[in-house]
Amino acid sequence: MPVLSNSKHERFAQAVAEGQSASQAYVTAGYAANEGNAGRLNRNERVRARIEEILQAGAEKAGVTVARIVEELAKVGFANMQDYMRASPAGDPYLDFSGLTRDQAAALGEVTVEDFKDGRGEDARDVRRVKFKLHDKLSALEKLGKHLGMFKDPDVNANITVNLAPSDADL
């Protein structure tokens, strides 16, 4: 779709695509503030199509695709603590980031390193504490499942009949 012929409509579409609310975009486009008119313009079929086109072009320019987003969600959703931890011969766990792949690093949400002294005087020893958190696996898996159509919302439209007239048994 080419640029909208109405310059105010075009500016409105661009402002909405930039993240402004319909009301803000309406004023940015040069109109006087009016919630109703802003809402109507935002629902206009040609304006909506132009907004989607602008958003799609921005996503393509940034290299954002559905496939890439699904791939990133999968990295988080299928990350495993064993990818980051090893066990000593005694069975004690320790972190080992030495062989971390780019895909494994994508699942890391936070890494904290603390260096401190434990104890006092000659008995004091240097300690390094490393903590890490993975991104929210359940959220990533839920988003993947929804994308794949695995989760259907139940139909909550139910017909309920209520009889307010007393029956013979109630009398």
Protein backbone atom coordinates (compact mmCIF):
# COMPACT_ATOMS: atom_id res chain seq x y z
CA MET A 1 0.00 0.00 0.00
CA PRO A 2 1.45 3.39 -0.89
CA VAL A 3 1.58 6.41 1.37
CA LEU A 4 -1.95 7.56 2.24
CA SER A 5 -3.14 10.45 0.06
CA ASN A 6 -4.47 12.33 3.09
CA SER A 7 -1.30 13.64 4.77
CA LYS A 8 -2.95 13.82 8.21
CA HIS A 9 -4.03 10.20 7.92
CA GLU A 10 -0.49 9.23 6.91
CA ARG A 11 1.03 11.10 9.87
CA PHE A 12 -1.54 9.48 12.17
CA ALA A 13 -0.62 5.99 10.86
CA GLN A 14 3.09 6.69 11.33
CA ALA A 15 2.57 8.00 14.86
CA VAL A 16 0.53 4.93 15.85
CA ALA A 17 3.20 2.67 14.32
CA GLU A 18 5.79 4.52 16.44
CA GLY A 19 3.86 3.53 19.56
CA GLN A 20 1.64 6.52 20.26
CA SER A 21 -1.91 5.94 21.42
CA ALA A 22 -4.65 6.77 18.91
CA SER A 23 -5.48 9.93 20.88
CA GLN A 24 -1.86 11.10 20.93
CA ALA A 25 -1.39 10.25 17.25
CA TYR A 26 -4.55 12.15 16.35
CA VAL A 27 -3.12 15.34 17.86
CA THR A 28 0.35 14.64 16.38
CA ALA A 29 -1.28 14.41 12.95
CA GLY A 30 -2.60 17.94 13.37
CA TYR A 31 -6.15 17.36 14.55
CA ALA A 32 -7.75 18.87 17.64
CA ALA A 33 -7.99 16.36 20.49
CA ASN A 34 -11.13 14.22 20.12
CA GLU A 35 -11.25 10.67 21.54
CA GLY A 36 -14.17 9.56 19.38
CA ASN A 37 -12.68 10.74 16.11
CA ALA A 38 -9.27 9.32 17.04
CA GLY A 39 -10.88 5.93 17.67
CA ARG A 40 -12.80 6.03 14.39
CA LEU A 41 -9.67 6.96 12.43
CA ASN A 42 -7.76 4.19 14.19
CA ARG A 43 -10.42 1.68 13.03
CA ASN A 44 -10.41 2.96 9.44
CA GLU A 45 -9.58 0.01 7.18
CA ARG A 46 -7.09 1.89 4.97
CA VAL A 47 -5.37 3.51 7.97
CA ARG A 48 -5.11 0.11 9.78
CA ALA A 49 -3.62 -1.45 6.64
CA ARG A 50 -1.07 1.36 6.42
CA ILE A 51 -0.14 0.99 10.11
CA GLU A 52 0.40 -2.76 9.61
CA GLU A 53 2.50 -2.05 6.52
CA ILE A 54 4.71 0.42 8.41
CA LEU A 55 5.13 -2.03 11.31
CA GLN A 56 5.95 -4.89 8.94
CA ALA A 57 8.54 -2.81 7.09
CA GLY A 58 10.16 -1.85 10.41
CA ALA A 59 10.24 -5.48 11.53
CA GLU A 60 11.80 -6.60 8.25
CA LYS A 61 14.39 -3.84 8.41
CA ALA A 62 15.30 -4.93 11.93
CA GLY A 63 15.44 -8.58 10.86
CA VAL A 64 12.53 -9.56 13.08
CA THR A 65 10.52 -12.45 11.72
CA VAL A 66 8.07 -14.90 13.23
CA ALA A 67 10.61 -17.68 12.69
CA ARG A 68 13.32 -15.77 14.53
CA ILE A 69 11.04 -15.00 17.48
CA VAL A 70 9.95 -18.66 17.70
CA GLU A 71 13.62 -19.71 17.59
CA GLU A 72 14.50 -17.38 20.49
CA LEU A 73 11.51 -18.57 22.54
CA ALA A 74 12.61 -22.16 21.93
CA LYS A 75 16.12 -21.38 23.24
CA VAL A 76 14.60 -20.17 26.50
CA GLY A 77 11.85 -22.78 26.71
CA PHE A 78 14.17 -25.74 26.23
CA ALA A 79 17.15 -24.48 28.24
CA ASN A 80 18.37 -26.95 30.85
CA MET A 81 20.34 -26.31 34.06
CA GLN A 82 22.69 -29.15 33.11
CA ASP A 83 23.95 -27.00 30.24
CA TYR A 84 25.50 -24.64 32.82
CA MET A 85 26.47 -26.87 35.73
CA ARG A 86 28.90 -29.72 36.24
CA ALA A 87 29.53 -32.01 39.18
CA SER A 88 32.84 -32.53 40.96
CA PRO A 89 34.04 -36.12 41.58
CA ALA A 90 32.43 -35.81 45.03
CA GLY A 91 29.13 -34.90 43.39
CA ASP A 92 29.17 -31.21 44.36
CA PRO A 93 27.69 -28.92 41.70
CA TYR A 94 29.66 -26.04 40.22
CA LEU A 95 29.04 -23.63 37.36
CA ASP A 96 30.96 -24.05 34.14
CA PHE A 97 30.39 -21.38 31.51
CA SER A 98 33.58 -22.26 29.59
CA GLY A 99 31.80 -24.17 26.84
CA LEU A 100 28.69 -21.99 26.71
CA THR A 101 27.24 -21.67 23.20
CA ARG A 102 25.53 -18.56 21.89
CA ASP A 103 22.18 -20.37 22.06
CA GLN A 104 22.75 -21.35 25.69
CA ALA A 105 23.78 -17.79 26.55
CA ALA A 106 20.50 -16.53 25.03
CA ALA A 107 18.60 -18.33 27.80
CA LEU A 108 20.54 -16.56 30.58
CA GLY A 109 18.54 -13.83 32.22
CA GLU A 110 21.06 -12.79 34.86
CA VAL A 111 24.55 -13.66 36.08
CA THR A 112 25.82 -12.23 39.38
CA VAL A 113 29.39 -12.60 40.63
CA GLU A 114 30.27 -11.68 44.23
CA ASP A 115 33.85 -11.68 45.58
CA PHE A 116 34.25 -11.44 49.35
CA LYS A 117 36.32 -12.61 52.34
CA ASP A 118 34.87 -15.33 54.54
CA GLY A 119 36.13 -15.36 58.12
CA ARG A 120 38.58 -13.06 59.96
CA GLY A 121 42.30 -12.63 60.35
CA GLU A 122 44.56 -15.43 59.17
CA ASP A 123 41.61 -17.79 58.76
CA ALA A 124 39.92 -15.50 56.21
CA ARG A 125 39.61 -16.94 52.75
CA ASP A 126 38.68 -15.45 49.39
CA VAL A 127 35.28 -16.59 48.17
CA ARG A 128 33.64 -16.10 44.82
CA ARG A 129 29.90 -16.70 44.65
CA VAL A 130 28.33 -17.00 41.20
CA LYS A 131 24.56 -17.06 40.74
CA PHE A 132 22.61 -17.25 37.54
CA LYS A 133 19.00 -17.21 36.47
CA LEU A 134 17.48 -18.45 33.28
CA HIS A 135 14.69 -16.53 31.59
CA ASP A 136 11.16 -17.72 32.42
CA LYS A 137 10.83 -21.13 30.74
CA LEU A 138 7.12 -21.53 31.41
CA SER A 139 6.28 -18.20 29.82
CA ALA A 140 8.37 -19.02 26.75
CA LEU A 141 6.77 -22.46 26.41
CA GLU A 142 3.28 -20.99 26.82
CA LYS A 143 3.96 -18.43 24.08
CA LEU A 144 5.30 -21.16 21.79
CA GLY A 145 2.28 -23.33 22.52
CA LYS A 146 -0.13 -20.49 21.75
CA HIS A 147 1.72 -19.73 18.51
CA LEU A 148 1.40 -23.37 17.49
CA GLY A 149 -2.31 -23.42 18.41
CA MET A 150 -1.85 -25.96 21.19
CA PHE A 151 -3.97 -24.14 23.75
CA LYS A 152 -7.59 -23.46 22.95
CA ASP A 153 -9.61 -21.12 25.12
CA PRO A 154 -12.72 -22.91 26.35
CA ASP A 155 -16.04 -21.72 25.00
CA VAL A 156 -17.55 -19.87 27.94
CA ASN A 157 -20.85 -19.07 26.24
CA ALA A 158 -23.30 -21.17 28.20
CA ASN A 159 -27.07 -21.06 28.13
CA ILE A 160 -28.54 -20.94 31.61
CA THR A 161 -32.26 -21.06 32.21
CA VAL A 162 -33.61 -19.75 35.48
CA ASN A 163 -37.25 -20.33 36.32
CA LEU A 164 -38.40 -17.71 38.82
CA ALA A 165 -42.01 -18.89 38.96
CA PRO A 166 -42.74 -21.17 41.93
CA SER A 167 -43.49 -24.76 41.06
CA ASP A 168 -46.36 -26.77 42.56
CA ALA A 169 -43.87 -28.47 44.90
CA ASP A 170 -42.85 -25.08 46.36
CA LEU A 171 -46.43 -24.14 47.28
